[in-house]
C-alpha atoms as a PDB file:
ATOM      1  CA  ALA A   1     193.619  70.605  96.722  1.00  0.00           C
ATOM      2  CA  TYR A   2     193.053  70.943 100.414  1.00  0.00           C
ATOM      3  CA  THR A   3     190.922  67.823 101.037  1.00  0.00           C
ATOM      4  CA  SER A   4     192.956  65.228 102.781  1.00  0.00           C
ATOM      5  CA  THR A   5     192.992  62.496 105.448  1.00  0.00           C
ATOM      6  CA  VAL A   6     196.096  62.949 107.582  1.00  0.00           C
ATOM      7  CA  GLY A   7     197.592  60.906 110.213  1.00  0.00           C
ATOM      8  CA  GLN A   8     200.981  61.381 111.955  1.00  0.00           C
ATOM      9  CA  SER A   9     202.803  62.416 108.749  1.00  0.00           C
ATOM     10  CA  HIS A  10     201.873  65.917 107.357  1.00  0.00           C
ATOM     11  CA  ALA A  11     203.560  68.903 105.751  1.00  0.00           C
ATOM     12  CA  THR A  12     203.726  71.916 108.054  1.00  0.00           C
ATOM     13  CA  LEU A  13     202.816  75.217 106.625  1.00  0.00           C
ATOM     14  CA  ALA A  14     205.545  77.778 106.570  1.00  0.00           C
ATOM     15  CA  ASN A  15     203.514  80.329 108.422  1.00  0.00           C
ATOM     16  CA  SER A  16     201.973  77.969 110.934  1.00  0.00           C
ATOM     17  CA  SER A  17     204.035  79.125 113.926  1.00  0.00           C
ATOM     18  CA  ALA A  18     202.386  82.688 114.151  1.00  0.00           C
ATOM     19  CA  HIS A  19     198.799  81.327 113.891  1.00  0.00           C
ATOM     20  CA  ALA A  20     198.838  77.851 115.157  1.00  0.00           C
ATOM     21  CA  LEU A  21     196.405  78.260 118.060  1.00  0.00           C
ATOM     22  CA  HIS A  22     194.091  81.003 117.483  1.00  0.00           C
ATOM     23  CA  THR A  23     192.912  82.651 120.659  1.00  0.00           C
ATOM     24  CA  ARG A  24     189.851  84.726 119.815  1.00  0.00           C
ATOM     25  CA  PRO A  25     191.021  88.502 119.459  1.00  0.00           C
ATOM     26  CA  MET A  26     189.075  91.596 120.526  1.00  0.00           C
ATOM     27  CA  PRO A  27     186.244  91.828 117.946  1.00  0.00           C
ATOM     28  CA  SER A  28     185.825  94.623 115.418  1.00  0.00           C
ATOM     29  CA  ARG A  29     182.615  95.360 113.731  1.00  0.00           C
ATOM     30  CA  PRO A  30     180.366  92.222 113.739  1.00  0.00           C
ATOM     31  CA  GLN A  31     179.442  90.615 110.460  1.00  0.00           C
ATOM     32  CA  VAL A  32     175.990  89.181 110.432  1.00  0.00           C
ATOM     33  CA  LEU A  33     175.361  85.944 108.662  1.00  0.00           C
ATOM     34  CA  GLN A  34     171.998  84.198 108.227  1.00  0.00           C
ATOM     35  CA  LEU A  35     171.140  80.753 109.449  1.00  0.00           C
ATOM     36  CA  GLY A  36     168.887  79.415 106.872  1.00  0.00           C
ATOM     37  CA  ARG A  37     165.946  77.052 107.183  1.00  0.00           C
ATOM     38  CA  PRO A  38     165.167  74.348 104.546  1.00  0.00           C
ATOM     39  CA  ASP A  39     161.982  76.282 103.558  1.00  0.00           C
ATOM     40  CA  GLY A  40     163.984  79.365 102.774  1.00  0.00           C
ATOM     41  CA  ALA A  41     162.919  81.398 105.806  1.00  0.00           C
ATOM     42  CA  THR A  42     165.400  82.673 108.299  1.00  0.00           C
ATOM     43  CA  ALA A  43     165.621  81.280 111.871  1.00  0.00           C
ATOM     44  CA  THR A  44     167.761  84.125 113.161  1.00  0.00           C
ATOM     45  CA  SER A  45     170.864  86.332 112.660  1.00  0.00           C
ATOM     46  CA  TYR A  46     173.974  84.410 113.319  1.00  0.00           C
ATOM     47  CA  SER A  47     176.555  87.069 114.328  1.00  0.00           C
ATOM     48  CA  VAL A  48     180.257  86.471 114.284  1.00  0.00           C
ATOM     49  CA  SER A  49     183.129  89.101 114.558  1.00  0.00           C
ATOM     50  CA  THR A  50     185.956  89.636 112.363  1.00  0.00           C
ATOM     51  CA  ALA A  51     189.464  89.749 113.818  1.00  0.00           C
ATOM     52  CA  ALA A  52     190.870  93.197 114.578  1.00  0.00           C
ATOM     53  CA  ALA A  53     194.483  91.940 114.398  1.00  0.00           C
ATOM     54  CA  ALA A  54     196.515  88.790 113.919  1.00  0.00           C
ATOM     55  CA  PRO A  55     196.486  86.460 116.890  1.00  0.00           C
ATOM     56  CA  PRO A  56     199.691  86.419 119.103  1.00  0.00           C
ATOM     57  CA  PRO A  57     201.916  83.334 118.821  1.00  0.00           C
ATOM     58  CA  PRO A  58     200.793  80.380 121.014  1.00  0.00           C
ATOM     59  CA  LYS A  59     202.009  79.946 124.635  1.00  0.00           C
ATOM     60  CA  LEU A  60     202.270  76.903 126.607  1.00  0.00           C
ATOM     61  CA  ALA A  61     199.349  76.343 128.936  1.00  0.00           C
ATOM     62  CA  GLU A  62     199.674  76.817 132.643  1.00  0.00           C
ATOM     63  CA  PRO A  63     198.494  73.907 134.892  1.00  0.00           C
ATOM     64  CA  HIS A  64     195.428  75.762 136.037  1.00  0.00           C
ATOM     65  CA  GLU A  65     194.369  76.238 132.333  1.00  0.00           C
ATOM     66  CA  LEU A  66     194.585  72.627 131.796  1.00  0.00           C
ATOM     67  CA  LEU A  67     192.252  71.814 134.828  1.00  0.00           C
ATOM     68  CA  ILE A  68     189.587  74.340 133.438  1.00  0.00           C
ATOM     69  CA  LEU A  69     188.765  71.858 130.582  1.00  0.00           C
ATOM     70  CA  LYS A  70     188.845  68.611 132.581  1.00  0.00           C
ATOM     71  CA  MET A  71     185.511  66.831 132.978  1.00  0.00           C
ATOM     72  CA  SER A  72     184.978  64.560 136.051  1.00  0.00           C
ATOM     73  CA  LEU A  73     182.367  61.834 135.873  1.00  0.00           C
ATOM     74  CA  SER A  74     181.192  59.470 138.524  1.00  0.00           C
ATOM     75  CA  PRO A  75     181.438  55.711 138.257  1.00  0.00           C
ATOM     76  CA  SER A  76     177.727  55.406 139.059  1.00  0.00           C
ATOM     77  CA  PRO A  77     175.929  52.655 136.932  1.00  0.00           C
ATOM     78  CA  PRO A  78     173.588  53.748 134.281  1.00  0.00           C
ATOM     79  CA  LEU A  79     169.849  54.554 134.676  1.00  0.00           C
ATOM     80  CA  GLU A  80     170.460  55.292 138.376  1.00  0.00           C
ATOM     81  CA  GLY A  81     168.962  58.208 140.208  1.00  0.00           C
ATOM     82  CA  ALA A  82     166.162  59.229 137.632  1.00  0.00           C
ATOM     83  CA  SER A  83     162.564  58.627 138.098  1.00  0.00           C
ATOM     84  CA  ALA A  84     161.101  55.727 135.968  1.00  0.00           C
ATOM     85  CA  ALA A  85     158.720  58.144 134.293  1.00  0.00           C
ATOM     86  CA  ARG A  86     161.609  60.148 132.852  1.00  0.00           C
ATOM     87  CA  GLN A  87     163.810  57.387 131.768  1.00  0.00           C
ATOM     88  CA  GLY A  88     163.896  56.701 128.036  1.00  0.00           C
ATOM     89  CA  LEU A  89     161.763  59.610 127.022  1.00  0.00           C
ATOM     90  CA  PRO A  90     162.790  60.767 123.510  1.00  0.00           C
ATOM     91  CA  GLU A  91     162.844  64.500 124.218  1.00  0.00           C
ATOM     92  CA  GLN A  92     163.769  66.078 127.575  1.00  0.00           C
ATOM     93  CA  HIS A  93     164.768  69.590 128.857  1.00  0.00           C
ATOM     94  CA  ILE A  94     167.306  69.541 131.680  1.00  0.00           C
ATOM     95  CA  ALA A  95     168.634  72.506 133.622  1.00  0.00           C
ATOM     96  CA  HIS A  96     171.399  72.991 136.249  1.00  0.00           C
ATOM     97  CA  GLY A  97     173.014  76.161 137.646  1.00  0.00           C
ATOM     98  CA  GLY A  98     171.173  78.650 135.318  1.00  0.00           C
ATOM     99  CA  ARG A  99     172.118  76.686 132.234  1.00  0.00           C
ATOM    100  CA  PHE A 100     169.832  74.272 130.274  1.00  0.00           C
ATOM    101  CA  ALA A 101     170.141  71.722 127.447  1.00  0.00           C
ATOM    102  CA  HIS A 102     167.852  69.444 125.292  1.00  0.00           C
ATOM    103  CA  VAL A 103     168.477  65.707 125.485  1.00  0.00           C
ATOM    104  CA  LEU A 104     167.135  64.037 122.413  1.00  0.00           C
ATOM    105  CA  ALA A 105     166.829  60.258 121.836  1.00  0.00           C
ATOM    106  CA  PRO A 106     165.945  58.214 118.724  1.00  0.00           C
ATOM    107  CA  ASP A 107     162.606  56.261 118.358  1.00  0.00           C
ATOM    108  CA  GLY A 108     162.490  52.532 118.642  1.00  0.00           C
ATOM    109  CA  VAL A 109     165.203  51.918 121.212  1.00  0.00           C
ATOM    110  CA  HIS A 110     165.280  48.483 122.806  1.00  0.00           C
ATOM    111  CA  PRO A 111     165.370  48.681 126.671  1.00  0.00           C
ATOM    112  CA  GLU A 112     168.683  46.924 126.829  1.00  0.00           C
ATOM    113  CA  GLU A 113     170.371  48.829 123.974  1.00  0.00           C
ATOM    114  CA  ALA A 114     173.213  51.165 124.776  1.00  0.00           C
ATOM    115  CA  LEU A 115     173.142  54.307 122.552  1.00  0.00           C
ATOM    116  CA  PRO A 116     176.059  56.480 121.332  1.00  0.00           C
ATOM    117  CA  VAL A 117     175.981  60.073 122.629  1.00  0.00           C
ATOM    118  CA  VAL A 118     176.964  63.317 120.802  1.00  0.00           C
ATOM    119  CA  PHE A 119     177.045  66.767 122.098  1.00  0.00           C
ATOM    120  CA  ALA A 120     176.039  69.430 119.587  1.00  0.00           C
ATOM    121  CA  LEU A 121     177.521  72.937 120.362  1.00  0.00           C
ATOM    122  CA  HIS A 122     176.159  75.937 118.679  1.00  0.00           C
ATOM    123  CA  GLY A 123     178.473  78.886 117.448  1.00  0.00           C
ATOM    124  CA  CYS A 124     178.282  82.505 118.474  1.00  0.00           C
ATOM    125  CA  TRP A 125     174.498  83.179 118.291  1.00  0.00           C
ATOM    126  CA  GLN A 126     173.193  86.586 119.285  1.00  0.00           C
ATOM    127  CA  PHE A 127     169.481  87.426 119.774  1.00  0.00           C
ATOM    128  CA  ARG A 128     168.406  83.815 119.675  1.00  0.00           C
ATOM    129  CA  THR A 129     164.724  83.304 120.891  1.00  0.00           C
ATOM    130  CA  GLU A 130     162.960  80.388 122.424  1.00  0.00           C
ATOM    131  CA  ARG A 131     161.296  79.697 119.154  1.00  0.00           C
ATOM    132  CA  ASP A 132     164.764  79.503 117.481  1.00  0.00           C
ATOM    133  CA  MET A 133     166.046  77.035 120.070  1.00  0.00           C
ATOM    134  CA  ALA A 134     162.944  74.944 119.761  1.00  0.00           C
ATOM    135  CA  TYR A 135     163.350  74.827 116.020  1.00  0.00           C
ATOM    136  CA  CYS A 136     167.004  73.917 116.468  1.00  0.00           C
ATOM    137  CA  ALA A 137     166.055  71.077 118.926  1.00  0.00           C
ATOM    138  CA  ALA A 138     163.562  69.636 116.542  1.00  0.00           C
ATOM    139  CA  MET A 139     166.299  69.501 113.830  1.00  0.00           C
ATOM    140  CA  TYR A 140     168.528  67.691 116.140  1.00  0.00           C
ATOM    141  CA  ARG A 141     165.746  65.301 117.112  1.00  0.00           C
ATOM    142  CA  GLU A 142     165.709  64.282 113.471  1.00  0.00           C
ATOM    143  CA  MET A 143     169.613  63.738 113.674  1.00  0.00           C
ATOM    144  CA  ALA A 144     169.042  61.542 116.785  1.00  0.00           C
ATOM    145  CA  ASN A 145     166.920  59.317 114.631  1.00  0.00           C
ATOM    146  CA  GLN A 146     169.300  59.471 111.641  1.00  0.00           C
ATOM    147  CA  ALA A 147     172.281  58.447 113.792  1.00  0.00           C
ATOM    148  CA  HIS A 148     170.363  56.329 116.209  1.00  0.00           C
ATOM    149  CA  ALA A 149     172.096  58.138 119.034  1.00  0.00           C
ATOM    150  CA  VAL A 150     171.380  60.467 121.934  1.00  0.00           C
ATOM    151  CA  VAL A 151     171.896  64.106 121.010  1.00  0.00           C
ATOM    152  CA  ILE A 152     172.767  66.577 123.834  1.00  0.00           C
ATOM    153  CA  VAL A 153     172.130  70.226 122.756  1.00  0.00           C
ATOM    154  CA  PRO A 154     173.345  72.511 125.481  1.00  0.00           C
ATOM    155  CA  TRP A 155     172.927  76.360 125.249  1.00  0.00           C
ATOM    156  CA  ALA A 156     175.471  78.996 126.328  1.00  0.00           C
ATOM    157  CA  LYS A 157     174.321  81.502 128.907  1.00  0.00           C
ATOM    158  CA  ASP A 158     175.347  84.307 126.744  1.00  0.00           C
ATOM    159  CA  HIS A 159     175.804  84.607 122.949  1.00  0.00           C
ATOM    160  CA  THR A 160     178.761  82.201 122.961  1.00  0.00           C
ATOM    161  CA  TRP A 161     180.575  79.767 125.409  1.00  0.00           C
ATOM    162  CA  ASP A 162     182.317  81.114 128.476  1.00  0.00           C
ATOM    163  CA  PHE A 163     185.536  79.457 127.513  1.00  0.00           C
ATOM    164  CA  VAL A 164     185.681  81.381 124.258  1.00  0.00           C
ATOM    165  CA  MET A 165     184.458  84.630 125.796  1.00  0.00           C
ATOM    166  CA  THR A 166     187.272  84.587 128.511  1.00  0.00           C
ATOM    167  CA  GLN A 167     189.900  83.156 126.084  1.00  0.00           C
ATOM    168  CA  GLY A 168     190.330  79.926 128.144  1.00  0.00           C
ATOM    169  CA  ARG A 169     189.767  81.170 131.729  1.00  0.00           C
ATOM    170  CA  ALA A 170     186.213  80.180 132.543  1.00  0.00           C
ATOM    171  CA  SER A 171     184.900  76.658 133.316  1.00  0.00           C
ATOM    172  CA  GLY A 172     181.169  76.974 133.951  1.00  0.00           C
ATOM    173  CA  ASP A 173     180.128  75.501 130.643  1.00  0.00           C
ATOM    174  CA  THR A 174     182.654  72.654 131.043  1.00  0.00           C
ATOM    175  CA  ALA A 175     181.187  71.770 134.502  1.00  0.00           C
ATOM    176  CA  PHE A 176     177.641  71.913 132.956  1.00  0.00           C
ATOM    177  CA  PHE A 177     178.611  69.591 130.198  1.00  0.00           C
ATOM    178  CA  ALA A 178     179.881  66.986 132.678  1.00  0.00           C
ATOM    179  CA  TRP A 179     176.506  67.371 134.547  1.00  0.00           C
ATOM    180  CA  CYS A 180     174.647  66.976 131.236  1.00  0.00           C
ATOM    181  CA  LEU A 181     176.395  63.567 130.528  1.00  0.00           C
ATOM    182  CA  GLU A 182     175.859  62.434 134.051  1.00  0.00           C
ATOM    183  CA  GLU A 183     172.036  63.276 133.757  1.00  0.00           C
ATOM    184  CA  THR A 184     171.941  61.614 130.395  1.00  0.00           C
ATOM    185  CA  ARG A 185     173.359  58.392 131.913  1.00  0.00           C
ATOM    186  CA  ARG A 186     170.421  58.523 134.438  1.00  0.00           C
ATOM    187  CA  LEU A 187     167.962  58.942 131.578  1.00  0.00           C
ATOM    188  CA  HIS A 188     169.220  56.583 128.930  1.00  0.00           C
ATOM    189  CA  ARG A 189     171.401  53.508 128.595  1.00  0.00           C
ATOM    190  CA  ILE A 190     174.446  54.868 126.878  1.00  0.00           C
ATOM    191  CA  ASP A 191     177.547  53.343 125.151  1.00  0.00           C
ATOM    192  CA  GLU A 192     180.393  54.927 127.438  1.00  0.00           C
ATOM    193  CA  GLY A 193     182.962  54.076 124.711  1.00  0.00           C
ATOM    194  CA  ARG A 194     181.252  56.001 121.948  1.00  0.00           C
ATOM    195  CA  VAL A 195     180.769  59.569 123.104  1.00  0.00           C
ATOM    196  CA  ALA A 196     181.468  62.454 120.628  1.00  0.00           C
ATOM    197  CA  ILE A 197     181.303  66.158 120.549  1.00  0.00           C
ATOM    198  CA  MET A 198     180.113  68.179 117.419  1.00  0.00           C
ATOM    199  CA  GLY A 199     180.602  71.905 117.183  1.00  0.00           C
ATOM    200  CA  PHE A 200     180.235  74.854 114.899  1.00  0.00           C
ATOM    201  CA  SER A 201     182.502  77.871 114.818  1.00  0.00           C
ATOM    202  CA  ASP A 202     182.992  78.883 118.542  1.00  0.00           C
ATOM    203  CA  GLY A 203     181.272  75.690 119.392  1.00  0.00           C
ATOM    204  CA  ALA A 204     183.897  73.816 117.205  1.00  0.00           C
ATOM    205  CA  SER A 205     186.782  75.622 119.000  1.00  0.00           C
ATOM    206  CA  PHE A 206     185.429  74.884 122.468  1.00  0.00           C
ATOM    207  CA  GLY A 207     184.551  71.295 121.401  1.00  0.00           C
ATOM    208  CA  LEU A 208     187.944  70.594 120.017  1.00  0.00           C
ATOM    209  CA  SER A 209     189.638  71.890 123.087  1.00  0.00           C
ATOM    210  CA  LEU A 210     187.324  69.943 125.307  1.00  0.00           C
ATOM    211  CA  ALA A 211     187.661  66.617 123.489  1.00  0.00           C
ATOM    212  CA  VAL A 212     191.545  66.904 123.375  1.00  0.00           C
ATOM    213  CA  ALA A 213     191.625  67.570 127.120  1.00  0.00           C
ATOM    214  CA  ASN A 214     189.425  64.663 127.803  1.00  0.00           C
ATOM    215  CA  PRO A 215     190.263  61.718 125.660  1.00  0.00           C
ATOM    216  CA  ASP A 216     189.007  59.319 128.478  1.00  0.00           C
ATOM    217  CA  ILE A 217     185.486  60.693 127.692  1.00  0.00           C
ATOM    218  CA  PHE A 218     185.295  61.710 124.115  1.00  0.00           C
ATOM    219  CA  GLU A 219     186.011  59.056 121.419  1.00  0.00           C
ATOM    220  CA  ALA A 220     185.624  61.469 118.589  1.00  0.00           C
ATOM    221  CA  VAL A 221     185.285  65.233 117.855  1.00  0.00           C
ATOM    222  CA  LEU A 222     183.477  66.624 114.832  1.00  0.00           C
ATOM    223  CA  VAL A 223     184.130  70.235 113.991  1.00  0.00           C
ATOM    224  CA  TRP A 224     183.034  72.742 111.374  1.00  0.00           C
ATOM    225  CA  ALA A 225     185.134  75.925 111.129  1.00  0.00           C
ATOM    226  CA  ALA A 226     187.156  75.581 114.322  1.00  0.00           C
ATOM    227  CA  GLY A 227     189.290  78.633 115.060  1.00  0.00           C
ATOM    228  CA  PHE A 228     191.653  77.165 117.770  1.00  0.00           C
ATOM    229  CA  CYS A 229     192.421  74.356 120.011  1.00  0.00           C
ATOM    230  CA  LEU A 230     193.464  75.575 123.412  1.00  0.00           C
ATOM    231  CA  PRO A 231     195.684  74.689 125.218  1.00  0.00           C
ATOM    232  CA  PRO A 232     198.036  73.315 122.492  1.00  0.00           C
ATOM    233  CA  PRO A 233     198.378  69.607 122.605  1.00  0.00           C
ATOM    234  CA  PRO A 234     202.072  68.797 123.158  1.00  0.00           C
ATOM    235  CA  PRO A 235     204.071  67.070 120.249  1.00  0.00           C
ATOM    236  CA  SER A 236     204.221  63.303 120.407  1.00  0.00           C
ATOM    237  CA  ALA A 237     206.101  60.599 118.698  1.00  0.00           C
ATOM    238  CA  MET A 238     203.450  58.077 119.655  1.00  0.00           C
ATOM    239  CA  PRO A 239     200.018  57.940 117.843  1.00  0.00           C
ATOM    240  CA  LEU A 240     196.963  58.628 119.976  1.00  0.00           C
ATOM    241  CA  SER A 241     193.876  56.567 119.623  1.00  0.00           C
ATOM    242  CA  ARG A 242     191.391  59.124 121.114  1.00  0.00           C
ATOM    243  CA  PRO A 243     189.831  61.485 120.233  1.00  0.00           C
ATOM    244  CA  ARG A 244     189.540  60.949 116.544  1.00  0.00           C
ATOM    245  CA  VAL A 245     189.127  64.160 114.824  1.00  0.00           C
ATOM    246  CA  PHE A 246     187.010  65.215 111.930  1.00  0.00           C
ATOM    247  CA  MET A 247     187.616  68.771 110.652  1.00  0.00           C
ATOM    248  CA  TRP A 248     185.598  70.539 108.014  1.00  0.00           C
ATOM    249  CA  HIS A 249     186.458  74.100 106.777  1.00  0.00           C
ATOM    250  CA  GLY A 250     185.453  76.382 103.922  1.00  0.00           C
ATOM    251  CA  VAL A 251     188.120  77.503 101.614  1.00  0.00           C
ATOM    252  CA  GLU A 252     186.497  80.878 101.331  1.00  0.00           C
ATOM    253  CA  ASP A 253     185.791  81.112 105.119  1.00  0.00           C
ATOM    254  CA  GLN A 254     185.858  85.001 105.786  1.00  0.00           C
ATOM    255  CA  ILE A 255     186.157  84.614 109.587  1.00  0.00           C
ATOM    256  CA  PHE A 256     188.770  81.948 110.184  1.00  0.00           C
ATOM    257  CA  ASP A 257     191.122  81.848 107.272  1.00  0.00           C
ATOM    258  CA  ILE A 258     191.838  78.398 106.113  1.00  0.00           C
ATOM    259  CA  ARG A 259     195.642  78.935 105.571  1.00  0.00           C
ATOM    260  CA  SER A 260     196.511  80.978 108.590  1.00  0.00           C
ATOM    261  CA  VAL A 261     194.187  79.500 111.216  1.00  0.00           C
ATOM    262  CA  SER A 262     192.622  76.047 110.272  1.00  0.00           C
ATOM    263  CA  LEU A 263     195.482  74.330 108.573  1.00  0.00           C
ATOM    264  CA  PRO A 264     197.921  75.146 111.323  1.00  0.00           C
ATOM    265  CA  VAL A 265     195.388  73.929 113.860  1.00  0.00           C
ATOM    266  CA  ARG A 266     195.234  70.615 111.944  1.00  0.00           C
ATOM    267  CA  ASP A 267     199.004  70.392 111.704  1.00  0.00           C
ATOM    268  CA  HIS A 268     199.356  70.825 115.481  1.00  0.00           C
ATOM    269  CA  LEU A 269     196.828  68.039 116.151  1.00  0.00           C
ATOM    270  CA  CYS A 270     198.666  65.789 113.840  1.00  0.00           C
ATOM    271  CA  ALA A 271     201.921  66.529 115.508  1.00  0.00           C
ATOM    272  CA  ALA A 272     200.507  65.594 118.727  1.00  0.00           C
ATOM    273  CA  GLY A 273     199.673  62.094 117.339  1.00  0.00           C
ATOM    274  CA  LEU A 274     195.970  62.506 116.689  1.00  0.00           C
ATOM    275  CA  GLU A 275     194.148  60.916 113.845  1.00  0.00           C
ATOM    276  CA  VAL A 276     192.784  63.813 111.786  1.00  0.00           C
ATOM    277  CA  HIS A 277     190.448  63.606 108.813  1.00  0.00           C
ATOM    278  CA  TYR A 278     190.423  66.987 107.178  1.00  0.00           C
ATOM    279  CA  HIS A 279     188.103  68.251 104.418  1.00  0.00           C
ATOM    280  CA  ALA A 280     188.257  71.726 102.746  1.00  0.00           C
ATOM    281  CA  GLU A 281     185.017  72.803 101.155  1.00  0.00           C
ATOM    282  CA  GLU A 282     185.586  74.497  97.894  1.00  0.00           C
ATOM    283  CA  GLY A 283     183.830  77.871  97.921  1.00  0.00           C
ATOM    284  CA  GLY A 284     182.634  77.236 101.482  1.00  0.00           C
ATOM    285  CA  ARG A 285     182.177  80.309 103.642  1.00  0.00           C
ATOM    286  CA  HIS A 286     181.396  80.944 107.296  1.00  0.00           C
ATOM    287  CA  VAL A 287     177.747  80.129 107.265  1.00  0.00           C
ATOM    288  CA  CYS A 288     176.665  77.541 109.863  1.00  0.00           C
ATOM    289  CA  PRO A 289     175.325  74.233 108.423  1.00  0.00           C
ATOM    290  CA  GLN A 290     172.342  72.459 109.844  1.00  0.00           C
ATOM    291  CA  PRO A 291     171.551  68.837 110.773  1.00  0.00           C
ATOM    292  CA  GLY A 292     171.189  66.868 107.550  1.00  0.00           C
ATOM    293  CA  SER A 293     173.806  68.978 105.748  1.00  0.00           C
ATOM    294  CA  GLU A 294     176.705  67.553 103.903  1.00  0.00           C
ATOM    295  CA  PHE A 295     179.020  68.286 106.859  1.00  0.00           C
ATOM    296  CA  CYS A 296     176.747  66.627 109.425  1.00  0.00           C
ATOM    297  CA  ASN A 297     176.079  63.629 107.351  1.00  0.00           C
ATOM    298  CA  ALA A 298     179.875  63.037 106.648  1.00  0.00           C
ATOM    299  CA  ALA A 299     180.739  63.791 110.399  1.00  0.00           C
ATOM    300  CA  LEU A 300     178.205  61.258 111.646  1.00  0.00           C
ATOM    301  CA  LYS A 301     179.453  58.637 109.148  1.00  0.00           C
ATOM    302  CA  PHE A 302     183.026  59.221 110.127  1.00  0.00           C
ATOM    303  CA  TRP A 303     182.151  58.788 113.806  1.00  0.00           C
ATOM    304  CA  LEU A 304     179.702  55.879 113.582  1.00  0.00           C
ATOM    305  CA  ALA A 305     181.283  53.799 110.936  1.00  0.00           C
ATOM    306  CA  ALA A 306     184.602  53.347 112.745  1.00  0.00           C
ATOM    307  CA  PRO A 307     185.246  49.757 114.014  1.00  0.00           C
ATOM    308  CA  ARG A 308     184.951  49.279 117.662  1.00  0.00           C
END
């Protein structure tokens, strides 16, 4: 009953005003979920916190809050500034300002081919190890081949992103993402018009906020279990071409309730004029999917099958 593709027309929920933009509340006792592997083993504990109280009504963003999410890119030509030995390598580790990321490219790329790029943002992930991150990077390397795209996998300095931890007041990760994209432009020939961001849980909330604030950079945003979009996009009578939004949410999500959190976020994005494709997974709970999952496959198809 919840699965739908929605554009500018939509039915607003009666209770949407109180929960439309969910800022992360102070946590209560964490609930530990398991991030599974295909072989049945467990990569790590994926810890998320249940809400202690209902979130406050949304407020309009101050000008400085809008600037926190803005990404600034230079007009430098592609493949400039990196050594020839590093250009085009399929798997690279990049670091800047105490943060690091994996840059993963597909096999069999023609030297003159411009590749799509997608960021992949993890959710709240406590106690992750280097082995966990290497395993995760290997899975995204497979996704790079599947999508024939460059996948940038950044890692939060803490268990989650600073924008989420500070409820929209920190910008260190935003600046790092801009640097990652600049560095990727030096390492690979990329399609500047086909840059997307994919996120899970906290990564979905941060990614959605980032993409909406930077439509000149992000052509699409692909989110699983987003809890908010901050600051709220203003209502618009005109349809917006970017970013296109793919939202996936579990009907039985025990962290971000689909009725009080997810659907109101969807409705606000639609009211802002954005194209939103929304899918509600029957029986779906807050357990992070992996590359190759039904969510990832559907999200990549939504992103890459769109006409240019």
